[in-house]
Amino acid sequence: MENDTLLKEIRSETGASLLTKVQKDFIGLDTQYTIANGEKTRRIYLDSTASTLMMGLAYRTGESFLQHYANTHSLMHFGAKIATKTYAWVHDKILDFVQADQEHYTCFFTGSGTTAGMNRIARAFNHLQPKKDVVLVSIMEHHSNDLPHRKHGGHVIHIPVDTHESKMGCIDLDLLEHYLREYEGRVNYVSVTGISNVTGIINPINEVAKLTHHYGAYIVVDAAQLAAHVPIKMSGHEDPGMDVDALIFSGHKTYAPGSPGVVIARKDLMAKIEPEEVGGGMVERVFPEKYYVSNEFPEREEAGTPNILGAITLGTAIHVLDLIGMEKVLEEDMELTHYCLDEMLKLPQIVIYGETCMDTCPRAGTVSFNIKELNHGLVAAILNDYFNIAVRNECFCAHPYVEKMLELTHRLQIYEARAKEIMNWHTEPWMGMVRVSFGIYNTREDVDLFIEALKNILENKSEYEKQYSINEAGDYTHNSFIFSCKEYFNLSQMVQDELEI
């Protein structure tokens, strides 16, 4: 026992040291822009929930690999050996990272992040229990973990979340069980997010899995946010009912922009059906009349030439996170999120959405809010134009969840919009929030600058409002300050300059 405790302490110290070393090694942390007052300042990047910055080591690893680049599916020449073996290593690394038993789980890559992976799983799982026509998802889901199930999975029913005195929190297991009982015998699978992309609230995925399996359904987890923030344990629990059947996440949210999406799923489930994607690399033999699908994983699920470079940069980022230790990553993440929440709660004109008690509902990496009597688009524009703070606004591809939470502050407008059957949310400029989100590169200094910016906006609301107009698209644009993208990045000009033409 003493040795185990000592080992944990050593790992904790090592992880803290590695985290400190890695935190400053991200491309874009020192990017500078000229802001509305004419000053040139460093960008404060607080939009990591949408997409994280590129880990410097991942970028350099990709550059190094390109010296040996070749296609996979061969060991014939040196470059092919390097590509094939490294690509296979990344699969194994990810399985270890999410604690999925390699004997029973496979990892394969998909095109457009979590969205592609979730569509694949929805189509595949639809065939596993054909007599079961219901899919349960929570109301807090990103569209990527809602629409694929509507399109391919069956009849989707949305589970309400725990309200905690009207503040929407995490998934309520009692409510989930109510729905599992009501539709018992009809539920094929339950698909839930590990962390909300709107509020950062963490869901107890293994407890959800246990309950779901008890009622004869499968469990799918959207780990788009989870993978970069929280330790994951897909298998190996004392109670096997807590194991996860399928989990999907995105490389571009895990410090490797440009990398593919990732699916980790039980082999026995995926082996029951022919792969959704067919083509080169996933077959044993092809004849004019028929073809034979490979029984090997992940080959049978990865038709065609894969995104080898993206997989290698992702594998690097995952390896670094694993070396730091996800327990340490989560500890730092929650501390920063808690600090930000506490500072925002001191400002009475700020409305924070979702349960704010982190003891009741743990959060990681994300806070969404509004300033009373100021439009979310205007707040985001001011933060960018005057403070060089990058945040995101509107509905974050989670319309039902955002709309439900906005009832706390915009009840009348919500009811009127529903009555008018308004389709375009841009015609209702109040419909949205501002979201601040963190990566492992963010610091307390970033939060302090953000809080000072909020205080400045609150003190000078009327002055800022005079500086902006709303364009035809419903966006706030500064009346005199114009940002030129080409001044900072011009692809065509860069090519011409490199070629000296």
Foldseek 3Di string as FASTA:
>chain_A
DVVVVVVVVVLQVQLVVLLVVQLVQFPQQQDWDQFDVRDIHRFLEFALLVFNTARNVLVVLLVVLVVLDDFEPDPPDDSNVVLPVLLVVLFVLVCVQQAHPPVWKGKDFDAAALLRVLLQVQQLLCPQCVQAAEEEEALLDFCSQPVSCVVHRHHYDHFYADCPPPFGFERDVVSVLVVCVVRQPRYAEYEYEQARSAAQFGYPQLVVQLSQVVSPYAYEYECQPVSQAARHHQQDDPPRSSHHAKYKYGLRSLNQPPATIMMMGTLVSNQVDQRPDDAPQQFDDDDPVGTHGDSDPPRRHDHDTHPSSRSSSSSVSSVSCVSSPSVSRNVVFQVLVLVLLVLQVVDVQKAWGHDNPCVVTNGGWKTKIDGPPDFQLLLQVCCCRPVSYHWDKADNSSQSVQLSRCCVPPVVVSVVCVVVVDDDCLVVRNHMIIMGGDHSNDDVVSSVSVSVSVVVCVVCVVVSVVQWDQDPSNHTDGPPDDDDPVVPDDPVVVVCVVVVD
